[in-house]
Amino acid sequence: MVGAMASQSAIVVQRPGLEELIARPYAGGHASAPILLVLATLGTLGAIGSAEFLPSLMMPMILTLVFVLFGAAGLMLFSFVATGDLIEARFDAETQKAHLLYRGPTAHTEWPLPFSKISGARMAMSYGAGGTKVSTPTLDLANGKSLTLPGSTTWADIEAIRDMIGGDTDEWAAAWEKRASAQPHVYARQGRRRG
């Protein structure tokens, strides 16, 4: 599903091709989790077997399991640091949280974000190399940082997210709206009386 799906209590914005990404969860670096599982299983069975039949192999098996343990812990920490691209943002009015789903190089990670930590949603405007105007859907956080929402997020999605989180309106958009709706005033210059 591209763009947003909205109901009375939830808004979901997704990147294009999300179904394909979810359908192949173990592509590329994501295959490290099942590989580590197989290595840990083989290492555990090998350690049990070596303890029973070949006690001299017990130390290499323990070292193998320690290596797998540190590898798994390192990949887990790496997945928290290298979160990758935001592929889905789900805003839930009932829980007052946004659930952000990232696809990183080694794992999918989901981060809950309370509405109280979101200060607003907007379309950040910039200009590309050729002078073309580029709109980037952005979620502004209370700590001053910002997150880029999936590129398929529309202006209507931004407005719906603003309504749900109860954030401030976009100051630039409000200023342009005020300017566009302003009525021109003509002020007459009054002549001075000579007396």
N, C-alpha and C. Protein backbone atom coordinates (compact mmCIF):
# COMPACT_ATOMS: atom_id res chain seq x y z
N MET A 1 0.86 -1.17 0.00
CA MET A 1 0.00 0.00 0.00
C MET A 1 0.90 1.22 0.00
N VAL A 2 0.66 2.12 -0.88
CA VAL A 2 1.45 3.34 -0.98
C VAL A 2 0.67 4.45 -0.30
N GLY A 3 1.40 5.33 0.40
CA GLY A 3 0.73 6.45 1.03
C GLY A 3 0.14 6.07 2.36
N ALA A 4 -0.98 6.68 2.69
CA ALA A 4 -1.55 6.49 4.02
C ALA A 4 -2.84 5.72 3.96
N MET A 5 -3.02 4.93 4.99
CA MET A 5 -4.31 4.29 5.23
C MET A 5 -4.83 4.93 6.50
N ALA A 6 -6.04 5.44 6.48
CA ALA A 6 -6.54 6.14 7.65
C ALA A 6 -7.84 5.53 8.14
N SER A 7 -7.98 5.47 9.43
CA SER A 7 -9.24 5.11 10.04
C SER A 7 -9.47 6.15 11.13
N GLN A 8 -10.48 5.95 11.95
CA GLN A 8 -10.76 6.94 12.98
C GLN A 8 -9.67 6.98 14.04
N SER A 9 -8.97 5.86 14.26
CA SER A 9 -8.00 5.82 15.35
C SER A 9 -6.56 5.60 14.90
N ALA A 10 -6.31 5.42 13.60
CA ALA A 10 -4.95 5.15 13.16
C ALA A 10 -4.67 5.74 11.78
N ILE A 11 -3.43 6.16 11.60
CA ILE A 11 -2.94 6.63 10.30
C ILE A 11 -1.66 5.85 10.02
N VAL A 12 -1.53 5.31 8.82
CA VAL A 12 -0.35 4.54 8.46
C VAL A 12 0.21 5.10 7.16
N VAL A 13 1.49 5.47 7.17
CA VAL A 13 2.17 5.87 5.94
C VAL A 13 3.28 4.86 5.69
N GLN A 14 3.36 4.39 4.43
CA GLN A 14 4.31 3.33 4.09
C GLN A 14 5.09 3.72 2.85
N ARG A 15 6.28 3.17 2.74
CA ARG A 15 7.07 3.40 1.53
C ARG A 15 6.57 2.50 0.42
N PRO A 16 6.74 2.89 -0.82
CA PRO A 16 6.33 2.03 -1.93
C PRO A 16 7.11 0.71 -1.91
N GLY A 17 6.45 -0.38 -2.25
CA GLY A 17 7.10 -1.69 -2.31
C GLY A 17 7.31 -2.34 -0.95
N LEU A 18 6.56 -1.90 0.06
CA LEU A 18 6.73 -2.47 1.40
C LEU A 18 6.40 -3.96 1.44
N GLU A 19 5.38 -4.37 0.69
CA GLU A 19 5.00 -5.78 0.70
C GLU A 19 6.15 -6.67 0.22
N GLU A 20 6.89 -6.20 -0.78
CA GLU A 20 8.02 -6.98 -1.28
C GLU A 20 9.12 -7.09 -0.23
N LEU A 21 9.37 -6.00 0.51
CA LEU A 21 10.38 -6.04 1.56
C LEU A 21 10.01 -7.00 2.67
N ILE A 22 8.74 -6.99 3.06
CA ILE A 22 8.28 -7.86 4.13
C ILE A 22 8.27 -9.31 3.66
N ALA A 23 7.98 -9.54 2.36
CA ALA A 23 7.90 -10.91 1.84
C ALA A 23 9.26 -11.60 1.84
N ARG A 24 10.35 -10.84 1.72
CA ARG A 24 11.68 -11.46 1.75
C ARG A 24 12.45 -10.91 2.95
N PRO A 25 12.11 -11.39 4.16
CA PRO A 25 12.71 -10.82 5.36
C PRO A 25 14.17 -11.20 5.58
N TYR A 26 14.67 -12.25 4.91
CA TYR A 26 16.04 -12.68 5.16
C TYR A 26 16.94 -12.46 3.95
N ALA A 27 16.76 -11.35 3.28
CA ALA A 27 17.62 -11.00 2.14
C ALA A 27 18.82 -10.21 2.65
N GLY A 28 19.96 -10.43 2.05
CA GLY A 28 21.17 -9.68 2.38
C GLY A 28 21.60 -9.91 3.82
N GLY A 29 21.89 -8.81 4.51
CA GLY A 29 22.37 -8.89 5.89
C GLY A 29 21.35 -9.44 6.86
N HIS A 30 20.08 -9.44 6.46
CA HIS A 30 19.05 -9.98 7.35
C HIS A 30 19.21 -11.48 7.54
N ALA A 31 19.98 -12.14 6.67
CA ALA A 31 20.22 -13.58 6.80
C ALA A 31 21.16 -13.89 7.96
N SER A 32 21.77 -12.87 8.57
CA SER A 32 22.70 -13.13 9.68
C SER A 32 22.01 -13.75 10.88
N ALA A 33 20.75 -13.40 11.13
CA ALA A 33 20.04 -13.97 12.29
C ALA A 33 19.85 -15.48 12.15
N PRO A 34 19.31 -16.00 11.04
CA PRO A 34 19.19 -17.45 10.94
C PRO A 34 20.54 -18.17 10.88
N ILE A 35 21.56 -17.52 10.28
CA ILE A 35 22.88 -18.15 10.23
C ILE A 35 23.45 -18.30 11.65
N LEU A 36 23.30 -17.25 12.46
CA LEU A 36 23.77 -17.34 13.84
C LEU A 36 22.98 -18.37 14.64
N LEU A 37 21.71 -18.51 14.36
CA LEU A 37 20.90 -19.54 15.03
C LEU A 37 21.41 -20.93 14.70
N VAL A 38 21.71 -21.17 13.43
CA VAL A 38 22.23 -22.49 13.02
C VAL A 38 23.60 -22.74 13.66
N LEU A 39 24.47 -21.72 13.65
CA LEU A 39 25.78 -21.88 14.27
C LEU A 39 25.68 -22.15 15.77
N ALA A 40 24.79 -21.45 16.45
CA ALA A 40 24.61 -21.68 17.89
C ALA A 40 24.08 -23.08 18.16
N THR A 41 23.14 -23.55 17.33
CA THR A 41 22.60 -24.90 17.51
C THR A 41 23.68 -25.95 17.29
N LEU A 42 24.45 -25.80 16.20
CA LEU A 42 25.53 -26.75 15.93
C LEU A 42 26.60 -26.71 17.02
N GLY A 43 26.93 -25.51 17.49
CA GLY A 43 27.92 -25.38 18.56
C GLY A 43 27.46 -26.02 19.86
N THR A 44 26.19 -25.83 20.19
CA THR A 44 25.64 -26.44 21.41
C THR A 44 25.64 -27.96 21.30
N LEU A 45 25.17 -28.49 20.16
CA LEU A 45 25.18 -29.95 19.98
C LEU A 45 26.61 -30.49 19.98
N GLY A 46 27.53 -29.75 19.36
CA GLY A 46 28.93 -30.17 19.36
C GLY A 46 29.53 -30.17 20.75
N ALA A 47 29.20 -29.15 21.55
CA ALA A 47 29.71 -29.08 22.92
C ALA A 47 29.17 -30.23 23.76
N ILE A 48 27.91 -30.56 23.59
CA ILE A 48 27.32 -31.70 24.34
C ILE A 48 27.99 -32.99 23.91
N GLY A 49 28.16 -33.16 22.59
CA GLY A 49 28.80 -34.38 22.09
C GLY A 49 30.25 -34.49 22.51
N SER A 50 30.98 -33.38 22.45
CA SER A 50 32.40 -33.44 22.82
C SER A 50 32.59 -33.67 24.31
N ALA A 51 31.68 -33.14 25.14
CA ALA A 51 31.78 -33.39 26.57
C ALA A 51 31.58 -34.86 26.89
N GLU A 52 30.77 -35.53 26.09
CA GLU A 52 30.47 -36.95 26.32
C GLU A 52 31.53 -37.86 25.72
N PHE A 53 31.95 -37.57 24.47
CA PHE A 53 32.80 -38.51 23.74
C PHE A 53 34.25 -38.04 23.56
N LEU A 54 34.46 -36.75 23.35
CA LEU A 54 35.82 -36.23 23.12
C LEU A 54 36.05 -35.01 24.01
N PRO A 55 36.40 -35.23 25.26
CA PRO A 55 36.58 -34.09 26.18
C PRO A 55 37.66 -33.11 25.73
N SER A 56 38.59 -33.55 24.90
CA SER A 56 39.64 -32.64 24.44
C SER A 56 39.11 -31.55 23.50
N LEU A 57 37.95 -31.76 22.88
CA LEU A 57 37.34 -30.77 21.99
C LEU A 57 36.42 -29.78 22.72
N MET A 58 36.30 -29.95 24.03
CA MET A 58 35.38 -29.10 24.78
C MET A 58 35.78 -27.61 24.71
N MET A 59 37.07 -27.30 24.85
CA MET A 59 37.52 -25.90 24.84
C MET A 59 37.28 -25.25 23.47
N PRO A 60 37.62 -25.89 22.33
CA PRO A 60 37.29 -25.25 21.05
C PRO A 60 35.79 -25.03 20.84
N MET A 61 34.97 -25.93 21.34
CA MET A 61 33.51 -25.75 21.22
C MET A 61 33.03 -24.57 22.06
N ILE A 62 33.59 -24.44 23.25
CA ILE A 62 33.20 -23.31 24.10
C ILE A 62 33.63 -21.99 23.45
N LEU A 63 34.83 -21.96 22.88
CA LEU A 63 35.29 -20.76 22.19
C LEU A 63 34.42 -20.43 20.98
N THR A 64 33.97 -21.47 20.28
CA THR A 64 33.05 -21.26 19.14
C THR A 64 31.75 -20.63 19.62
N LEU A 65 31.20 -21.14 20.72
CA LEU A 65 29.95 -20.60 21.26
C LEU A 65 30.13 -19.16 21.75
N VAL A 66 31.28 -18.85 22.35
CA VAL A 66 31.56 -17.49 22.79
C VAL A 66 31.64 -16.56 21.57
N PHE A 67 32.28 -17.02 20.50
CA PHE A 67 32.37 -16.24 19.27
C PHE A 67 30.97 -15.96 18.70
N VAL A 68 30.12 -16.99 18.68
CA VAL A 68 28.75 -16.81 18.18
C VAL A 68 27.98 -15.85 19.08
N LEU A 69 28.17 -15.95 20.38
CA LEU A 69 27.49 -15.06 21.33
C LEU A 69 27.88 -13.60 21.08
N PHE A 70 29.19 -13.34 20.96
CA PHE A 70 29.64 -11.97 20.71
C PHE A 70 29.20 -11.48 19.33
N GLY A 71 29.19 -12.37 18.36
CA GLY A 71 28.71 -11.98 17.03
C GLY A 71 27.24 -11.59 17.05
N ALA A 72 26.42 -12.37 17.76
CA ALA A 72 24.98 -12.06 17.86
C ALA A 72 24.75 -10.76 18.62
N ALA A 73 25.49 -10.57 19.72
CA ALA A 73 25.35 -9.33 20.50
C ALA A 73 25.79 -8.12 19.68
N GLY A 74 26.89 -8.27 18.92
CA GLY A 74 27.36 -7.17 18.08
C GLY A 74 26.37 -6.81 17.00
N LEU A 75 25.78 -7.83 16.35
CA LEU A 75 24.78 -7.55 15.31
C LEU A 75 23.53 -6.90 15.89
N MET A 76 23.15 -7.32 17.10
CA MET A 76 21.98 -6.71 17.73
C MET A 76 22.24 -5.23 18.01
N LEU A 77 23.40 -4.92 18.60
CA LEU A 77 23.74 -3.52 18.87
C LEU A 77 23.86 -2.72 17.57
N PHE A 78 24.44 -3.32 16.54
CA PHE A 78 24.57 -2.65 15.25
C PHE A 78 23.19 -2.34 14.66
N SER A 79 22.23 -3.25 14.85
CA SER A 79 20.88 -3.01 14.31
C SER A 79 20.19 -1.85 15.00
N PHE A 80 20.56 -1.55 16.27
CA PHE A 80 19.98 -0.40 16.96
C PHE A 80 20.63 0.90 16.50
N VAL A 81 21.91 0.84 16.12
CA VAL A 81 22.61 2.05 15.68
C VAL A 81 22.32 2.34 14.21
N ALA A 82 22.44 1.31 13.36
CA ALA A 82 22.21 1.45 11.92
C ALA A 82 20.78 1.01 11.62
N THR A 83 19.82 1.90 11.93
CA THR A 83 18.41 1.51 11.77
C THR A 83 17.98 1.45 10.31
N GLY A 84 18.66 2.20 9.43
CA GLY A 84 18.29 2.16 8.01
C GLY A 84 17.17 3.12 7.69
N ASP A 85 16.35 2.76 6.70
CA ASP A 85 15.28 3.63 6.21
C ASP A 85 13.98 3.38 6.97
N LEU A 86 13.24 4.47 7.19
CA LEU A 86 11.90 4.36 7.76
C LEU A 86 10.96 3.87 6.67
N ILE A 87 10.42 2.67 6.83
CA ILE A 87 9.56 2.10 5.79
C ILE A 87 8.08 2.18 6.14
N GLU A 88 7.76 2.38 7.43
CA GLU A 88 6.36 2.52 7.82
C GLU A 88 6.26 3.32 9.10
N ALA A 89 5.29 4.22 9.15
CA ALA A 89 4.98 4.98 10.36
C ALA A 89 3.50 4.80 10.64
N ARG A 90 3.20 4.26 11.80
CA ARG A 90 1.81 3.99 12.18
C ARG A 90 1.47 4.88 13.39
N PHE A 91 0.51 5.77 13.23
CA PHE A 91 0.11 6.69 14.28
C PHE A 91 -1.20 6.19 14.87
N ASP A 92 -1.20 5.90 16.17
CA ASP A 92 -2.36 5.30 16.83
C ASP A 92 -2.91 6.27 17.88
N ALA A 93 -4.14 6.75 17.67
CA ALA A 93 -4.75 7.72 18.58
C ALA A 93 -5.09 7.09 19.92
N GLU A 94 -5.40 5.79 19.95
CA GLU A 94 -5.79 5.15 21.20
C GLU A 94 -4.61 5.03 22.17
N THR A 95 -3.46 4.64 21.67
CA THR A 95 -2.28 4.50 22.53
C THR A 95 -1.48 5.79 22.62
N GLN A 96 -1.81 6.79 21.77
CA GLN A 96 -1.09 8.05 21.72
C GLN A 96 0.39 7.84 21.41
N LYS A 97 0.64 6.90 20.47
CA LYS A 97 2.02 6.60 20.07
C LYS A 97 2.12 6.46 18.57
N ALA A 98 3.31 6.75 18.06
CA ALA A 98 3.64 6.45 16.68
C ALA A 98 4.60 5.26 16.71
N HIS A 99 4.35 4.26 15.89
CA HIS A 99 5.22 3.10 15.80
C HIS A 99 5.98 3.21 14.48
N LEU A 100 7.30 3.38 14.58
CA LEU A 100 8.15 3.59 13.41
C LEU A 100 8.88 2.30 13.09
N LEU A 101 8.68 1.79 11.88
CA LEU A 101 9.32 0.54 11.45
C LEU A 101 10.45 0.88 10.49
N TYR A 102 11.67 0.47 10.86
CA TYR A 102 12.87 0.71 10.05
C TYR A 102 13.37 -0.60 9.47
N ARG A 103 13.92 -0.52 8.26
CA ARG A 103 14.60 -1.66 7.66
C ARG A 103 16.07 -1.32 7.59
N GLY A 104 16.85 -1.91 8.50
CA GLY A 104 18.28 -1.68 8.55
C GLY A 104 19.02 -2.74 7.75
N PRO A 105 20.34 -2.66 7.73
CA PRO A 105 21.12 -3.63 6.96
C PRO A 105 21.07 -5.04 7.52
N THR A 106 20.79 -5.20 8.82
CA THR A 106 20.77 -6.54 9.41
C THR A 106 19.44 -6.94 10.02
N ALA A 107 18.53 -5.98 10.25
CA ALA A 107 17.27 -6.34 10.92
C ALA A 107 16.22 -5.26 10.73
N HIS A 108 14.97 -5.67 10.89
CA HIS A 108 13.86 -4.71 11.02
C HIS A 108 13.81 -4.29 12.49
N THR A 109 13.66 -3.01 12.74
CA THR A 109 13.49 -2.55 14.11
C THR A 109 12.26 -1.65 14.18
N GLU A 110 11.53 -1.78 15.28
CA GLU A 110 10.34 -0.95 15.49
C GLU A 110 10.56 -0.12 16.73
N TRP A 111 10.31 1.17 16.59
CA TRP A 111 10.50 2.11 17.69
C TRP A 111 9.17 2.77 18.04
N PRO A 112 8.71 2.61 19.27
CA PRO A 112 7.51 3.35 19.69
C PRO A 112 7.91 4.79 20.05
N LEU A 113 7.09 5.74 19.63
CA LEU A 113 7.37 7.15 19.88
C LEU A 113 6.09 7.81 20.39
N PRO A 114 6.06 8.19 21.68
CA PRO A 114 4.85 8.84 22.22
C PRO A 114 4.59 10.17 21.53
N PHE A 115 3.31 10.50 21.37
CA PHE A 115 2.93 11.77 20.74
C PHE A 115 3.53 12.96 21.49
N SER A 116 3.74 12.81 22.81
CA SER A 116 4.29 13.92 23.60
C SER A 116 5.70 14.28 23.16
N LYS A 117 6.41 13.37 22.46
CA LYS A 117 7.76 13.65 21.99
C LYS A 117 7.79 14.16 20.55
N ILE A 118 6.59 14.34 19.96
CA ILE A 118 6.49 14.85 18.59
C ILE A 118 5.97 16.28 18.65
N SER A 119 6.70 17.20 18.04
CA SER A 119 6.25 18.60 18.07
C SER A 119 5.45 18.99 16.84
N GLY A 120 5.56 18.24 15.74
CA GLY A 120 4.78 18.58 14.56
C GLY A 120 5.16 17.73 13.36
N ALA A 121 4.37 17.89 12.30
CA ALA A 121 4.62 17.21 11.02
C ALA A 121 4.54 18.27 9.93
N ARG A 122 5.43 18.17 8.94
CA ARG A 122 5.47 19.19 7.89
C ARG A 122 6.10 18.62 6.64
N MET A 123 5.98 19.39 5.57
CA MET A 123 6.70 19.12 4.33
C MET A 123 7.88 20.08 4.29
N ALA A 124 9.08 19.56 4.44
CA ALA A 124 10.28 20.40 4.38
C ALA A 124 10.58 20.68 2.91
N MET A 125 10.73 21.93 2.59
CA MET A 125 10.99 22.34 1.21
C MET A 125 12.47 22.64 1.01
N SER A 126 12.99 22.14 -0.09
CA SER A 126 14.37 22.43 -0.46
C SER A 126 14.46 22.45 -1.98
N TYR A 127 15.62 22.79 -2.50
CA TYR A 127 15.81 22.84 -3.94
C TYR A 127 16.90 21.86 -4.34
N GLY A 128 16.62 21.08 -5.39
CA GLY A 128 17.57 20.11 -5.89
C GLY A 128 18.66 20.76 -6.71
N ALA A 129 19.55 19.92 -7.26
CA ALA A 129 20.69 20.42 -8.03
C ALA A 129 20.25 21.20 -9.26
N GLY A 130 19.16 20.78 -9.90
CA GLY A 130 18.68 21.45 -11.09
C GLY A 130 17.75 22.62 -10.80
N GLY A 131 17.63 22.99 -9.53
CA GLY A 131 16.75 24.10 -9.16
C GLY A 131 15.30 23.69 -8.98
N THR A 132 15.04 22.37 -9.01
CA THR A 132 13.67 21.90 -8.81
C THR A 132 13.32 21.88 -7.33
N LYS A 133 12.08 22.17 -7.03
CA LYS A 133 11.60 22.20 -5.66
C LYS A 133 11.36 20.76 -5.18
N VAL A 134 11.89 20.43 -4.01
CA VAL A 134 11.76 19.08 -3.46
C VAL A 134 11.03 19.17 -2.13
N SER A 135 9.95 18.38 -1.99
CA SER A 135 9.19 18.32 -0.74
C SER A 135 9.57 17.03 -0.02
N THR A 136 9.96 17.15 1.24
CA THR A 136 10.33 15.99 2.04
C THR A 136 9.43 15.92 3.25
N PRO A 137 8.60 14.85 3.38
CA PRO A 137 7.73 14.74 4.55
C PRO A 137 8.58 14.51 5.81
N THR A 138 8.35 15.34 6.81
CA THR A 138 9.20 15.35 7.99
C THR A 138 8.37 15.34 9.26
N LEU A 139 8.86 14.61 10.25
CA LEU A 139 8.26 14.58 11.58
C LEU A 139 9.23 15.29 12.51
N ASP A 140 8.80 16.40 13.11
CA ASP A 140 9.65 17.17 14.02
C ASP A 140 9.46 16.66 15.44
N LEU A 141 10.58 16.46 16.14
CA LEU A 141 10.55 15.94 17.50
C LEU A 141 10.75 17.08 18.50
N ALA A 142 10.29 16.85 19.72
CA ALA A 142 10.37 17.87 20.76
C ALA A 142 11.81 18.20 21.13
N ASN A 143 12.76 17.29 20.89
CA ASN A 143 14.16 17.54 21.24
C ASN A 143 14.90 18.32 20.15
N GLY A 144 14.19 18.77 19.11
CA GLY A 144 14.80 19.56 18.05
C GLY A 144 15.24 18.75 16.84
N LYS A 145 15.23 17.43 16.93
CA LYS A 145 15.62 16.59 15.81
C LYS A 145 14.41 16.38 14.90
N SER A 146 14.65 15.82 13.73
CA SER A 146 13.55 15.52 12.81
C SER A 146 13.77 14.17 12.16
N LEU A 147 12.69 13.52 11.77
CA LEU A 147 12.73 12.23 11.09
C LEU A 147 12.08 12.39 9.72
N THR A 148 12.65 11.75 8.72
CA THR A 148 12.08 11.79 7.39
C THR A 148 11.07 10.66 7.26
N LEU A 149 9.82 11.00 6.96
CA LEU A 149 8.77 10.01 6.76
C LEU A 149 8.93 9.37 5.38
N PRO A 150 8.27 8.23 5.12
CA PRO A 150 8.34 7.63 3.78
C PRO A 150 7.97 8.63 2.70
N GLY A 151 8.65 8.55 1.56
CA GLY A 151 8.47 9.50 0.48
C GLY A 151 7.09 9.56 -0.11
N SER A 152 6.28 8.53 0.10
CA SER A 152 4.92 8.51 -0.45
C SER A 152 3.94 9.30 0.40
N THR A 153 4.41 9.89 1.52
CA THR A 153 3.54 10.67 2.40
C THR A 153 3.08 11.93 1.68
N THR A 154 1.77 12.18 1.69
CA THR A 154 1.20 13.33 0.98
C THR A 154 0.88 14.47 1.94
N TRP A 155 0.48 15.61 1.37
CA TRP A 155 0.05 16.75 2.20
C TRP A 155 -1.15 16.35 3.06
N ALA A 156 -2.07 15.58 2.48
CA ALA A 156 -3.25 15.13 3.25
C ALA A 156 -2.83 14.27 4.43
N ASP A 157 -1.82 13.42 4.23
CA ASP A 157 -1.31 12.60 5.33
C ASP A 157 -0.72 13.49 6.42
N ILE A 158 0.04 14.51 6.01
CA ILE A 158 0.65 15.43 6.98
C ILE A 158 -0.44 16.12 7.80
N GLU A 159 -1.49 16.58 7.15
CA GLU A 159 -2.59 17.24 7.86
C GLU A 159 -3.27 16.28 8.83
N ALA A 160 -3.50 15.04 8.39
CA ALA A 160 -4.13 14.05 9.27
C ALA A 160 -3.24 13.73 10.47
N ILE A 161 -1.94 13.65 10.25
CA ILE A 161 -1.01 13.39 11.35
C ILE A 161 -1.02 14.56 12.33
N ARG A 162 -1.02 15.79 11.79
CA ARG A 162 -1.08 16.98 12.66
C ARG A 162 -2.33 16.98 13.52
N ASP A 163 -3.47 16.66 12.88
CA ASP A 163 -4.73 16.62 13.64
C ASP A 163 -4.67 15.57 14.74
N MET A 164 -4.06 14.42 14.44
CA MET A 164 -4.03 13.35 15.42
C MET A 164 -3.09 13.66 16.58
N ILE A 165 -1.91 14.17 16.29
CA ILE A 165 -0.95 14.41 17.37
C ILE A 165 -1.23 15.72 18.09
N GLY A 166 -2.06 16.56 17.47
CA GLY A 166 -2.41 17.82 18.12
C GLY A 166 -1.25 18.80 18.16
N GLY A 167 -0.30 18.64 17.23
CA GLY A 167 0.86 19.53 17.19
C GLY A 167 0.49 20.88 16.61
N ASP A 168 1.44 21.77 16.68
CA ASP A 168 1.25 23.10 16.10
C ASP A 168 1.19 23.00 14.59
N THR A 169 0.55 23.97 14.01
CA THR A 169 0.49 24.01 12.56
C THR A 169 1.83 24.49 12.02
N ASP A 170 2.08 24.19 10.80
CA ASP A 170 3.31 24.61 10.14
C ASP A 170 3.30 26.14 10.03
N GLU A 171 4.28 26.79 10.64
CA GLU A 171 4.30 28.25 10.67
C GLU A 171 4.43 28.85 9.28
N TRP A 172 5.23 28.24 8.42
CA TRP A 172 5.40 28.75 7.05
C TRP A 172 4.09 28.62 6.27
N ALA A 173 3.44 27.45 6.40
CA ALA A 173 2.18 27.25 5.69
C ALA A 173 1.13 28.23 6.19
N ALA A 174 1.10 28.46 7.50
CA ALA A 174 0.13 29.39 8.06
C ALA A 174 0.39 30.82 7.57
N ALA A 175 1.66 31.18 7.47
CA ALA A 175 2.00 32.53 6.99
C ALA A 175 1.58 32.71 5.53
N TRP A 176 1.82 31.69 4.70
CA TRP A 176 1.42 31.79 3.29
C TRP A 176 -0.10 31.83 3.16
N GLU A 177 -0.79 31.05 4.00
CA GLU A 177 -2.26 31.06 3.94
C GLU A 177 -2.79 32.43 4.36
N LYS A 178 -2.19 33.01 5.38
CA LYS A 178 -2.61 34.32 5.84
C LYS A 178 -2.37 35.37 4.75
N ARG A 179 -1.23 35.25 4.10
CA ARG A 179 -0.90 36.21 3.05
C ARG A 179 -1.87 36.08 1.87
N ALA A 180 -2.20 34.83 1.51
CA ALA A 180 -3.08 34.60 0.37
C ALA A 180 -4.50 35.07 0.64
N SER A 181 -4.92 34.96 1.91
CA SER A 181 -6.31 35.33 2.22
C SER A 181 -6.45 36.79 2.65
N ALA A 182 -5.34 37.51 2.75
CA ALA A 182 -5.41 38.90 3.20
C ALA A 182 -6.07 39.78 2.15
N GLN A 183 -6.91 40.68 2.59
CA GLN A 183 -7.58 41.63 1.70
C GLN A 183 -6.72 42.88 1.57
N PRO A 184 -6.55 43.35 0.36
CA PRO A 184 -5.75 44.57 0.21
C PRO A 184 -6.49 45.77 0.81
N HIS A 185 -5.74 46.57 1.51
CA HIS A 185 -6.32 47.78 2.12
C HIS A 185 -5.74 49.01 1.42
N VAL A 186 -6.59 49.94 1.16
CA VAL A 186 -6.15 51.19 0.53
C VAL A 186 -6.26 52.28 1.58
N TYR A 187 -5.15 52.88 1.83
CA TYR A 187 -5.14 53.96 2.80
C TYR A 187 -5.05 55.29 2.05
N ALA A 188 -6.03 56.15 2.26
CA ALA A 188 -6.03 57.47 1.59
C ALA A 188 -5.17 58.43 2.38
N ARG A 189 -4.48 59.23 1.67
CA ARG A 189 -3.67 60.24 2.32
C ARG A 189 -4.52 61.49 2.50
N GLN A 190 -4.65 61.87 3.71
CA GLN A 190 -5.47 63.03 3.97
C GLN A 190 -4.63 64.29 3.88
N GLY A 191 -5.19 65.28 3.15
CA GLY A 191 -4.48 66.55 3.02
C GLY A 191 -4.56 67.37 4.29
N ARG A 192 -3.60 68.20 4.48
CA ARG A 192 -3.58 69.05 5.66
C ARG A 192 -4.35 70.33 5.37
N ARG A 193 -5.14 70.75 6.30
CA ARG A 193 -5.86 72.00 6.15
C ARG A 193 -4.96 73.19 6.44
N ARG A 194 -5.14 74.16 5.61
CA ARG A 194 -4.38 75.39 5.88
C ARG A 194 -5.32 76.38 6.54
N GLY A 195 -4.90 76.88 7.53
CA GLY A 195 -5.81 77.75 8.22
C GLY A 195 -5.37 79.07 8.47
